[in-house]
Protein backbone atom coordinates (compact mmCIF):
# COMPACT_ATOMS: atom_id res chain seq x y z
CA MET A 1 -19.59 9.38 18.97
CA PHE A 2 -17.86 11.08 16.05
CA PRO A 3 -15.73 13.89 17.56
CA LEU A 4 -17.50 17.29 17.36
CA ARG A 5 -14.30 19.09 16.55
CA ASN A 6 -13.74 16.88 13.45
CA LEU A 7 -17.35 17.61 12.38
CA LEU A 8 -16.73 21.33 12.58
CA ILE A 9 -13.44 21.09 10.69
CA VAL A 10 -14.86 18.92 7.91
CA SER A 11 -17.97 21.00 7.55
CA LEU A 12 -16.09 24.30 7.32
CA MET A 13 -13.79 22.98 4.66
CA PHE A 14 -16.66 22.53 2.33
CA ILE A 15 -18.36 25.90 2.58
CA SER A 16 -20.72 26.43 -0.37
CA VAL A 17 -21.29 29.90 -1.90
CA VAL A 18 -24.16 30.77 -4.30
CA VAL A 19 -24.81 33.92 -6.21
CA SER A 20 -27.33 36.02 -8.15
CA TYR A 21 -26.87 36.90 -11.73
CA GLY A 22 -28.47 40.22 -12.71
CA ASP A 23 -25.81 41.83 -14.90
CA GLU A 24 -23.77 39.31 -16.94
CA ASN A 25 -20.84 41.77 -16.82
CA GLU A 26 -20.85 42.06 -13.05
CA ALA A 27 -18.49 39.94 -11.02
CA ILE A 28 -20.00 37.13 -8.87
CA TRP A 29 -18.51 38.55 -5.66
CA GLN A 30 -16.21 41.43 -4.91
CA PRO A 31 -15.47 41.58 -1.15
CA LYS A 32 -13.34 44.46 0.01
CA VAL A 33 -10.66 44.18 2.77
CA GLY A 34 -12.35 44.76 6.13
CA ASP A 35 -15.82 43.62 4.96
CA SER A 36 -17.42 41.81 7.83
CA TRP A 37 -20.49 39.49 8.40
CA VAL A 38 -21.95 38.95 11.87
CA TYR A 39 -24.03 35.82 12.40
CA GLN A 40 -26.21 34.40 15.09
CA VAL A 41 -25.17 30.77 15.47
CA THR A 42 -27.14 28.01 17.14
CA ILE A 43 -25.79 24.43 17.55
CA ASP A 44 -27.93 21.57 18.65
CA VAL A 45 -26.41 18.21 19.73
CA PRO A 46 -27.91 15.14 21.56
CA LYS A 47 -27.64 15.17 25.35
CA GLY A 48 -24.21 13.98 26.54
CA SER A 49 -22.39 15.36 23.42
CA LYS A 50 -19.72 17.99 23.85
CA LEU A 51 -20.55 21.55 22.83
CA PRO A 52 -18.08 24.28 21.90
CA ASP A 53 -16.55 25.60 25.10
CA ASN A 54 -15.20 28.98 26.28
CA VAL A 55 -16.99 31.01 23.57
CA GLU A 56 -17.41 34.62 24.73
CA GLY A 57 -21.08 35.37 25.38
CA GLN A 58 -22.23 31.81 24.58
CA ARG A 59 -25.53 30.67 26.00
CA ILE A 60 -26.04 26.97 26.89
CA GLU A 61 -29.46 25.46 27.23
CA GLU A 62 -30.54 22.01 28.38
CA LEU A 63 -33.61 21.12 26.41
CA GLU A 64 -35.86 18.05 26.66
CA ASP A 65 -33.81 15.83 24.39
CA LYS A 66 -30.85 17.91 23.36
CA GLN A 67 -28.36 20.56 24.29
CA ARG A 68 -28.18 23.94 22.53
CA ALA A 69 -25.36 26.47 22.27
CA SER A 70 -25.97 29.99 20.92
CA PHE A 71 -23.27 32.56 20.21
CA ILE A 72 -22.13 35.27 17.80
CA GLN A 73 -19.75 34.48 14.93
CA THR A 74 -17.97 37.04 12.84
CA THR A 75 -16.29 36.58 9.42
CA VAL A 76 -13.84 39.35 8.23
CA TYR A 77 -12.31 39.43 4.76
CA LYS A 78 -8.52 39.99 4.90
CA GLY A 79 -7.69 40.10 1.22
CA VAL A 80 -5.44 37.77 -0.87
CA GLN A 81 -2.85 35.98 1.29
CA GLU A 82 -0.47 33.05 1.03
CA MET A 83 -2.13 29.94 2.41
CA SER A 84 1.25 28.98 3.87
CA GLU A 85 4.77 30.41 3.61
CA GLY A 86 5.66 30.29 -0.04
CA GLY A 87 2.40 28.53 -0.86
CA ALA A 88 -0.47 29.30 -3.13
CA GLU A 89 -2.32 32.61 -2.74
CA ALA A 90 -6.07 32.77 -1.97
CA HIS A 91 -8.71 35.06 -0.61
CA ALA A 92 -8.66 34.79 3.19
CA PHE A 93 -11.69 35.01 5.42
CA PHE A 94 -11.01 35.09 9.21
CA VAL A 95 -13.79 33.43 11.20
CA SER A 96 -14.19 34.18 14.98
CA ASN A 97 -16.46 32.84 17.65
CA GLY A 98 -16.82 35.72 20.07
CA LYS A 99 -13.36 37.29 20.11
CA GLN A 100 -11.54 33.92 19.52
CA LEU A 101 -10.20 33.41 15.99
CA GLN A 102 -11.64 30.00 15.09
CA GLU A 103 -10.13 29.45 11.60
CA ILE A 104 -9.11 31.00 8.33
CA GLN A 105 -10.99 29.92 5.27
CA PHE A 106 -9.33 30.14 1.89
CA MET A 107 -11.18 30.68 -1.45
CA LYS A 108 -10.38 31.32 -5.08
CA ILE A 109 -12.64 34.04 -6.42
CA THR A 110 -12.89 34.98 -10.12
CA PRO A 111 -15.49 37.09 -11.96
CA THR A 112 -17.38 33.93 -12.84
CA SER A 113 -16.70 31.48 -9.96
CA VAL A 114 -15.94 30.93 -6.31
CA GLU A 115 -13.98 27.80 -5.19
CA ALA A 116 -12.95 26.47 -1.78
CA MET A 117 -9.25 25.87 -1.48
CA GLY A 118 -8.83 24.90 2.22
CA LEU A 119 -8.61 26.21 5.74
CA LYS A 120 -6.34 26.76 8.70
CA PRO A 121 -7.81 25.78 12.11
CA GLU A 122 -6.95 28.31 14.78
CA GLY A 123 -8.59 28.43 18.25
CA LYS A 124 -6.66 27.40 21.35
CA GLU A 125 -4.57 24.87 19.43
CA PRO A 126 -3.75 26.34 16.01
CA GLN A 127 -2.99 23.76 13.30
CA ASP A 128 -1.28 23.77 9.88
CA VAL A 129 -3.19 24.77 6.77
CA LYS A 130 -5.33 21.99 5.42
CA PRO A 131 -5.30 22.57 1.68
CA LEU A 132 -7.75 20.73 -0.54
CA SER A 133 -6.31 18.34 -3.14
CA ARG A 134 -8.42 20.14 -5.70
CA ALA A 135 -10.49 23.31 -5.50
CA ILE A 136 -14.23 22.73 -4.96
CA PRO A 137 -16.42 24.72 -7.27
CA LEU A 138 -18.88 26.49 -5.00
CA VAL A 139 -20.24 29.13 -7.35
CA MET A 140 -20.54 29.21 -11.13
CA SER A 141 -21.97 32.24 -12.97
CA ASP A 142 -24.32 29.97 -15.00
CA TRP A 143 -26.08 28.62 -11.94
CA LYS A 144 -29.69 29.81 -12.11
CA GLY A 145 -31.69 27.13 -10.28
CA GLY A 146 -32.43 23.53 -11.15
CA GLU A 147 -28.84 22.47 -11.75
CA ALA A 148 -27.70 19.24 -10.09
CA PHE A 149 -24.26 17.54 -10.25
CA PRO A 150 -21.89 15.22 -8.26
CA PHE A 151 -18.44 16.26 -7.08
CA MET A 152 -15.81 13.69 -5.94
CA MET A 153 -12.42 14.37 -4.34
CA ASP A 154 -9.70 12.38 -2.52
CA HIS A 155 -8.60 14.20 0.61
CA VAL A 156 -6.08 13.48 3.33
CA GLU A 157 -7.31 14.13 6.92
CA ASN A 158 -5.00 13.41 9.84
CA GLY A 159 -2.78 11.31 7.61
CA ALA A 160 -5.64 9.14 6.33
CA LYS A 161 -6.93 9.26 2.73
CA MET A 162 -10.65 9.90 2.47
CA ARG A 163 -12.82 9.90 -0.61
CA MET A 164 -15.44 12.59 -0.34
CA ILE A 165 -18.38 12.60 -2.55
CA ARG A 166 -20.87 15.52 -2.63
CA LYS A 167 -24.07 16.10 -4.58
CA PHE A 168 -24.95 19.71 -5.38
CA LYS A 169 -28.45 20.91 -6.16
CA VAL A 170 -29.33 24.40 -6.92
CA LEU A 171 -32.86 24.88 -5.54
CA GLY A 172 -33.49 28.37 -6.82
CA TRP A 173 -34.22 31.94 -5.64
CA GLU A 174 -35.86 32.64 -2.29
CA THR A 175 -36.60 35.77 -0.25
CA LEU A 176 -35.01 35.80 3.22
CA GLU A 177 -35.67 38.35 5.90
CA THR A 178 -33.17 38.59 8.86
CA LYS A 179 -32.13 41.25 11.34
CA ALA A 180 -29.74 42.51 8.62
CA GLY A 181 -32.58 43.12 6.18
CA LYS A 182 -34.50 41.45 3.36
CA PHE A 183 -32.55 39.61 0.67
CA GLN A 184 -33.04 37.72 -2.60
CA ALA A 185 -30.80 34.75 -2.37
CA LEU A 186 -30.01 31.60 -4.27
CA HIS A 187 -30.53 28.34 -2.31
CA VAL A 188 -28.08 25.47 -2.80
CA LEU A 189 -28.30 22.09 -1.13
CA VAL A 190 -25.19 19.87 -0.68
CA THR A 191 -25.49 16.29 0.51
CA GLY A 192 -22.91 13.51 0.96
CA LYS A 193 -20.95 11.31 3.39
CA ASN A 194 -17.80 11.47 5.42
CA GLY A 195 -17.13 7.83 6.31
CA PRO A 196 -20.25 6.73 8.31
CA ILE A 197 -21.48 10.32 8.75
CA GLU A 198 -24.13 11.64 6.43
CA LEU A 199 -24.43 15.35 5.86
CA ASN A 200 -27.11 17.72 4.59
CA ARG A 201 -26.30 21.43 4.11
CA SER A 202 -28.21 24.31 2.66
CA TYR A 203 -26.73 27.76 1.84
CA TRP A 204 -28.29 31.02 0.80
CA PHE A 205 -26.18 33.75 -0.85
CA SER A 206 -27.25 37.19 -1.95
CA PRO A 207 -25.36 39.08 -4.71
CA GLY A 208 -23.33 41.98 -3.36
CA ASN A 209 -24.09 40.89 0.23
CA GLY A 210 -22.59 37.40 0.78
CA PHE A 211 -23.76 34.54 2.96
CA ILE A 212 -27.16 35.19 4.43
CA LYS A 213 -28.09 31.84 6.05
CA GLU A 214 -26.69 28.35 6.41
CA VAL A 215 -28.19 25.22 7.90
CA LYS A 216 -26.07 22.03 8.20
CA LYS A 217 -26.98 18.69 9.76
CA TYR A 218 -25.00 15.48 10.35
CA TYR A 219 -26.58 12.06 10.78
CA ALA A 220 -25.34 8.70 12.12
CA GLY A 221 -27.88 6.23 10.85
CA GLU A 222 -31.29 7.68 11.76
CA GLN A 223 -29.99 9.89 14.54
CA THR A 224 -29.27 13.56 13.98
CA ILE A 225 -26.00 14.13 15.88
CA PHE A 226 -25.27 17.75 15.02
CA THR A 227 -27.26 20.70 13.66
CA GLN A 228 -25.89 24.22 13.12
CA THR A 229 -27.80 27.22 11.91
CA ARG A 230 -26.12 30.51 11.00
CA VAL A 231 -28.25 33.62 10.25
CA LEU A 232 -26.87 37.09 9.30
CA LYS A 233 -27.45 39.76 11.87
CA LYS A 234 -25.42 42.62 10.29
CA MET A 235 -22.65 43.38 7.89
CA GLY A 236 -20.22 46.23 7.32
CA ASN A 237 -16.72 47.36 6.59
CA LYS A 238 -14.18 48.04 9.33
């Protein structure tokens, strides 16, 4: 069984952001320090697989053919920071499961694009920053729906070189209604492989609001070994 922790690390390193384009002079995304997004997270894995443990307020369910964990996840924007001492600067987003800081996600944000730059795993056993060998374009201001393109990158994970290939497809605008409200959001699908593991991820992003929903699935052959759904419950500024 592919380690669940590695699945979580790999998946979070390739967060995808999508945006709306109403005013061509308006920046894609302008988060302010202290902005926060609170999500309801549900994780499904086959019976016998390890679920996240010691998450405050987590609910574990034993279903007929799988196990399910449900918990609250909060992302807080902390502004521009060095990814490591003396290293490159990036926009930092602190992600916590319950009250436990899980990781720091680093992005490059310009008026016309958002790119992933890496992350720093935290949790009970903090690790060094895992920078990407090249930034992954997650948002481009000319995405409107219908675009499709591949992206390839060589990446070092635990000392081993991995070639990661992703296929992006912009599916278009959709209306989403959550506990946080009703949003117009652009839907992007990302597919690819990490070694023997196939992935399928969908993201919805609303202009001026941020991530609204995310669904990611991992497959080993024909078996679904991991499904995570995140849905926005509320957002605000601390």
